N, C-alpha and C. Protein backbone atom coordinates (compact mmCIF):
# COMPACT_ATOMS: atom_id res chain seq x y z
N UNK A 1 173.25 33.15 137.59
CA UNK A 1 173.02 32.56 139.46
C UNK A 1 174.27 32.66 140.27
N UNK A 2 175.34 32.34 139.20
CA UNK A 2 177.00 32.06 139.91
C UNK A 2 177.63 33.47 140.21
N UNK A 3 177.41 34.42 139.48
CA UNK A 3 177.28 35.84 139.76
C UNK A 3 177.01 36.40 141.44
N UNK A 4 175.70 35.75 141.66
CA UNK A 4 175.01 35.92 142.64
C UNK A 4 175.46 35.53 143.95
N UNK A 5 176.27 34.03 143.71
CA UNK A 5 176.42 33.70 144.45
C UNK A 5 177.82 34.11 144.79
N UNK A 6 178.34 34.42 143.77
CA UNK A 6 179.75 34.76 144.42
C UNK A 6 179.81 36.21 145.03
N UNK A 7 178.97 37.27 145.08
CA UNK A 7 178.93 38.15 145.53
C UNK A 7 178.08 37.87 146.71
N UNK A 8 177.12 36.85 147.20
CA UNK A 8 176.60 36.59 148.67
C UNK A 8 177.82 35.87 149.00
N UNK A 9 179.09 35.29 149.09
CA UNK A 9 179.99 34.14 149.63
C UNK A 9 181.22 35.23 149.56
N UNK A 10 181.35 36.30 148.80
CA UNK A 10 182.63 37.28 148.77
C UNK A 10 183.30 37.60 150.47
N UNK A 11 182.57 37.38 151.24
CA UNK A 11 183.18 37.99 152.56
C UNK A 11 183.67 36.70 153.11
N UNK A 12 183.86 35.15 152.86
CA UNK A 12 184.00 33.99 153.17
C UNK A 12 184.98 33.54 152.49
N UNK A 13 184.81 33.44 150.83
CA UNK A 13 186.11 33.25 150.09
C UNK A 13 186.48 34.05 149.28
N UNK A 14 187.78 33.83 148.41
CA UNK A 14 188.59 35.21 147.56
C UNK A 14 187.66 35.06 146.36
N UNK A 15 187.10 36.26 145.88
CA UNK A 15 186.62 36.56 144.65
C UNK A 15 187.31 35.81 143.70
N UNK A 16 188.39 35.96 143.15
CA UNK A 16 189.57 35.09 142.15
C UNK A 16 189.07 33.37 142.31
N UNK A 17 189.21 32.90 143.42
CA UNK A 17 189.09 31.44 143.43
C UNK A 17 187.50 30.87 143.63
N UNK A 18 186.29 31.80 143.75
CA UNK A 18 185.37 31.49 143.49
C UNK A 18 184.76 31.34 141.86
N UNK A 19 185.24 32.23 141.22
CA UNK A 19 185.18 32.80 139.73
C UNK A 19 186.34 31.38 139.22
N UNK A 20 186.93 31.35 139.67
CA UNK A 20 188.04 29.61 138.88
C UNK A 20 187.40 28.49 139.25
N UNK A 21 186.98 28.21 140.36
CA UNK A 21 186.16 27.38 140.65
C UNK A 21 184.33 27.09 139.77
N UNK A 22 183.61 28.08 139.70
CA UNK A 22 182.66 28.28 139.08
C UNK A 22 183.01 28.66 137.39
N UNK A 23 184.23 28.70 136.93
CA UNK A 23 184.28 28.85 135.67
C UNK A 23 183.96 29.93 135.09
N UNK A 24 183.89 30.98 135.76
CA UNK A 24 183.49 32.44 135.41
C UNK A 24 184.47 33.30 135.24
N UNK A 25 184.36 34.39 134.69
CA UNK A 25 185.71 35.74 134.61
C UNK A 25 185.57 36.43 135.90
N UNK A 26 186.57 37.06 136.01
CA UNK A 26 186.16 37.73 137.12
C UNK A 26 186.13 38.97 136.35
N UNK A 27 186.34 39.42 135.30
CA UNK A 27 186.08 40.68 134.81
C UNK A 27 184.43 40.78 134.73
N UNK A 28 183.83 39.27 134.12
CA UNK A 28 182.23 39.28 133.59
C UNK A 28 181.52 39.61 135.47
N UNK A 29 182.40 38.94 136.75
CA UNK A 29 181.73 39.32 137.77
C UNK A 29 181.41 40.69 137.93
N UNK A 30 183.06 41.50 138.38
CA UNK A 30 182.79 42.97 138.45
C UNK A 30 181.76 43.43 137.12
N UNK A 31 181.73 43.17 135.74
CA UNK A 31 180.89 44.13 135.02
C UNK A 31 179.52 43.83 135.34
N UNK A 32 178.93 42.66 135.86
CA UNK A 32 178.03 42.26 136.31
C UNK A 32 177.23 42.82 137.34
N UNK A 33 178.39 43.03 138.32
CA UNK A 33 177.73 43.81 139.74
C UNK A 33 177.99 45.10 139.66
N UNK A 34 179.00 45.98 138.85
CA UNK A 34 178.86 47.20 138.78
C UNK A 34 177.31 47.70 137.58
N UNK A 35 176.73 47.24 136.91
CA UNK A 35 176.20 47.24 135.74
C UNK A 35 174.52 47.90 136.55
N UNK A 36 174.06 48.67 135.76
CA UNK A 36 172.94 49.16 136.80
C UNK A 36 171.54 48.13 136.78
N UNK A 37 170.88 48.40 137.46
CA UNK A 37 169.61 47.99 138.02
C UNK A 37 168.94 47.85 136.63
N UNK A 38 168.13 46.89 136.17
CA UNK A 38 167.45 47.33 134.91
C UNK A 38 165.71 47.97 135.42
N UNK A 39 164.98 48.29 134.43
CA UNK A 39 163.85 49.03 134.46
C UNK A 39 162.91 48.20 135.70
N UNK A 40 163.06 46.80 135.01
CA UNK A 40 161.98 46.02 136.03
C UNK A 40 162.33 46.24 137.43
N UNK A 41 163.55 45.88 137.49
CA UNK A 41 164.07 45.95 139.17
C UNK A 41 163.97 47.16 139.73
N UNK A 42 164.00 48.27 139.10
CA UNK A 42 163.87 49.79 139.85
C UNK A 42 162.73 50.01 140.10
N UNK A 43 161.42 49.44 139.26
CA UNK A 43 160.65 49.48 139.26
C UNK A 43 159.78 48.41 140.49
N UNK A 44 160.13 47.31 140.54
CA UNK A 44 160.05 46.44 141.52
C UNK A 44 160.75 47.48 143.14
N UNK A 45 161.37 47.64 143.20
CA UNK A 45 162.01 48.42 144.00
C UNK A 45 161.26 49.57 145.00
N UNK A 46 160.66 50.13 143.94
CA UNK A 46 160.05 51.64 144.15
C UNK A 46 158.54 50.99 144.61
N UNK A 47 157.69 49.56 143.98
CA UNK A 47 156.56 49.27 144.35
C UNK A 47 156.75 48.49 145.88
N UNK A 48 157.97 47.74 145.93
CA UNK A 48 157.96 47.12 147.30
C UNK A 48 158.20 48.25 148.39
N UNK A 49 158.71 49.45 148.33
CA UNK A 49 158.59 50.33 149.21
C UNK A 49 157.44 50.69 149.49
N UNK A 50 156.19 51.17 148.48
CA UNK A 50 154.90 51.48 148.70
C UNK A 50 154.47 50.80 149.58
N UNK A 51 154.53 48.96 148.77
CA UNK A 51 154.03 48.23 149.93
C UNK A 51 154.38 47.76 151.06
N UNK A 52 155.37 48.35 151.79
CA UNK A 52 155.88 47.92 153.16
C UNK A 52 155.21 49.04 153.32
N UNK A 53 155.03 50.41 153.21
CA UNK A 53 154.77 51.37 153.79
C UNK A 53 152.85 50.76 154.17
N UNK A 54 152.03 50.71 152.72
CA UNK A 54 150.80 50.61 153.22
C UNK A 54 150.49 48.93 154.22
N UNK A 55 151.71 48.24 153.87
CA UNK A 55 151.75 46.89 154.71
C UNK A 55 151.83 47.24 156.26
N UNK A 56 152.59 47.80 156.57
CA UNK A 56 152.90 48.35 157.99
C UNK A 56 151.49 49.20 158.42
N UNK A 57 151.22 50.01 157.62
CA UNK A 57 150.17 50.89 158.15
C UNK A 57 148.76 50.43 158.55
N UNK A 58 148.80 48.90 157.21
CA UNK A 58 147.59 48.36 157.75
C UNK A 58 147.81 47.13 159.25
N UNK A 59 149.30 47.21 159.63
CA UNK A 59 149.22 46.16 160.95
C UNK A 59 148.76 44.78 159.80
N UNK A 60 149.58 44.49 159.02
CA UNK A 60 149.79 43.47 158.40
C UNK A 60 148.47 42.53 157.99
N UNK A 61 147.72 43.28 157.59
CA UNK A 61 146.21 43.08 157.21
C UNK A 61 146.07 42.70 155.78
N UNK A 62 146.39 43.41 154.94
CA UNK A 62 146.47 43.38 153.55
C UNK A 62 147.23 42.39 153.13
N UNK A 63 146.58 41.60 152.17
CA UNK A 63 146.86 40.78 151.20
C UNK A 63 146.62 41.56 149.92
N UNK A 64 147.27 40.63 148.92
CA UNK A 64 147.47 41.19 147.50
C UNK A 64 146.58 41.93 146.73
N UNK A 65 145.11 41.62 147.11
CA UNK A 65 144.10 41.83 146.62
C UNK A 65 143.59 43.50 146.45
N UNK A 66 143.70 43.43 148.13
CA UNK A 66 143.67 44.82 149.34
C UNK A 66 144.36 45.59 148.85
N UNK A 67 145.94 45.04 148.72
CA UNK A 67 146.98 46.18 148.17
C UNK A 67 147.26 47.05 147.16
N UNK A 68 146.65 45.86 146.16
CA UNK A 68 146.36 46.16 144.18
C UNK A 68 145.77 47.41 144.30
N UNK A 69 144.36 47.56 145.18
CA UNK A 69 143.44 48.35 145.08
C UNK A 69 143.60 49.64 145.77
N UNK A 70 144.83 49.06 147.21
CA UNK A 70 145.00 51.14 147.73
C UNK A 70 146.13 51.43 146.46
N UNK A 71 147.21 50.58 145.72
CA UNK A 71 148.30 51.55 145.52
C UNK A 71 148.02 51.99 143.86
N UNK A 72 146.66 51.29 143.50
CA UNK A 72 145.65 51.74 142.21
C UNK A 72 145.13 52.82 142.97
N UNK A 73 144.65 52.92 143.61
CA UNK A 73 143.87 54.43 144.14
C UNK A 73 145.01 55.84 144.21
N UNK A 74 146.14 55.25 144.84
CA UNK A 74 147.04 56.17 145.02
C UNK A 74 147.64 56.57 144.04
N UNK A 75 147.60 55.93 142.79
CA UNK A 75 147.75 56.20 141.44
C UNK A 75 149.02 55.34 140.60
N UNK A 76 148.98 54.07 141.20
CA UNK A 76 150.70 53.47 141.11
C UNK A 76 149.73 52.53 139.62
N UNK A 77 150.63 52.39 139.03
CA UNK A 77 150.43 51.37 137.52
C UNK A 77 150.82 50.48 137.75
N UNK A 78 150.73 49.02 138.63
CA UNK A 78 150.88 47.98 139.36
C UNK A 78 150.00 46.72 139.17
N UNK A 79 150.22 45.40 138.66
CA UNK A 79 149.60 44.52 138.57
C UNK A 79 149.07 43.63 139.69
N UNK A 80 148.15 43.05 140.01
CA UNK A 80 148.00 42.23 141.16
C UNK A 80 148.88 41.29 141.28
N UNK A 81 149.04 40.74 140.26
CA UNK A 81 150.12 39.35 140.84
C UNK A 81 151.69 39.59 140.78
N UNK A 82 151.88 40.90 140.69
CA UNK A 82 153.55 41.72 140.54
C UNK A 82 153.70 41.89 142.33
N UNK A 83 152.41 42.35 142.83
CA UNK A 83 152.05 42.64 144.25
C UNK A 83 152.41 41.52 144.69
N UNK A 84 151.69 40.09 144.19
CA UNK A 84 151.62 39.15 145.04
C UNK A 84 152.91 38.64 144.93
N UNK A 85 153.63 38.71 143.84
CA UNK A 85 155.29 38.10 144.21
C UNK A 85 156.46 38.94 145.09
N UNK A 86 155.94 40.12 144.98
CA UNK A 86 156.90 41.19 145.74
C UNK A 86 156.34 40.74 146.99
N UNK A 87 155.00 40.73 147.42
CA UNK A 87 155.01 40.19 148.88
C UNK A 87 155.71 38.54 148.98
N UNK A 88 155.28 38.01 148.46
CA UNK A 88 155.92 36.53 148.41
C UNK A 88 157.38 37.02 148.93
N UNK A 89 158.12 37.20 148.09
CA UNK A 89 159.44 37.56 148.01
C UNK A 89 160.19 37.66 149.03
N UNK A 90 159.30 38.58 149.79
CA UNK A 90 159.96 39.53 150.75
C UNK A 90 159.03 39.55 152.34
N UNK A 91 158.41 38.31 152.65
CA UNK A 91 157.93 37.56 153.35
C UNK A 91 156.49 38.30 153.91
N UNK A 92 156.31 39.12 153.19
CA UNK A 92 154.99 40.05 153.80
C UNK A 92 153.63 39.17 153.55
N UNK A 93 153.09 38.22 154.52
CA UNK A 93 152.00 37.81 154.69
C UNK A 93 150.92 38.08 155.55
N UNK A 94 149.48 38.56 154.84
CA UNK A 94 148.41 38.89 155.43
C UNK A 94 147.89 37.79 156.63
N UNK A 95 147.81 39.06 157.57
CA UNK A 95 147.03 38.16 159.32
C UNK A 95 145.95 38.74 159.08
N UNK A 96 145.48 37.82 160.27
CA UNK A 96 143.82 38.48 160.75
C UNK A 96 144.01 39.58 161.73
């Protein structure tokens, strides 16, 4: 979590100073930043792109159950709870 904070605030404060204050190494921060995203994160990004497309096409009316059915029909293997989490994290709330 410290590394994410440093990444978010690097425009406001020097990285070396934040690393010292948070008691983490600069090399650890740069290694974290340059590390490729894990498999789950990559899959989440792919699913989220599809979710956003379907959400826009539905004019914001699809909640997670209908979104799940639609993505399954398109051939995606993704669970309803994962869709709910991704929609919630990205502020995609179904309207009427």
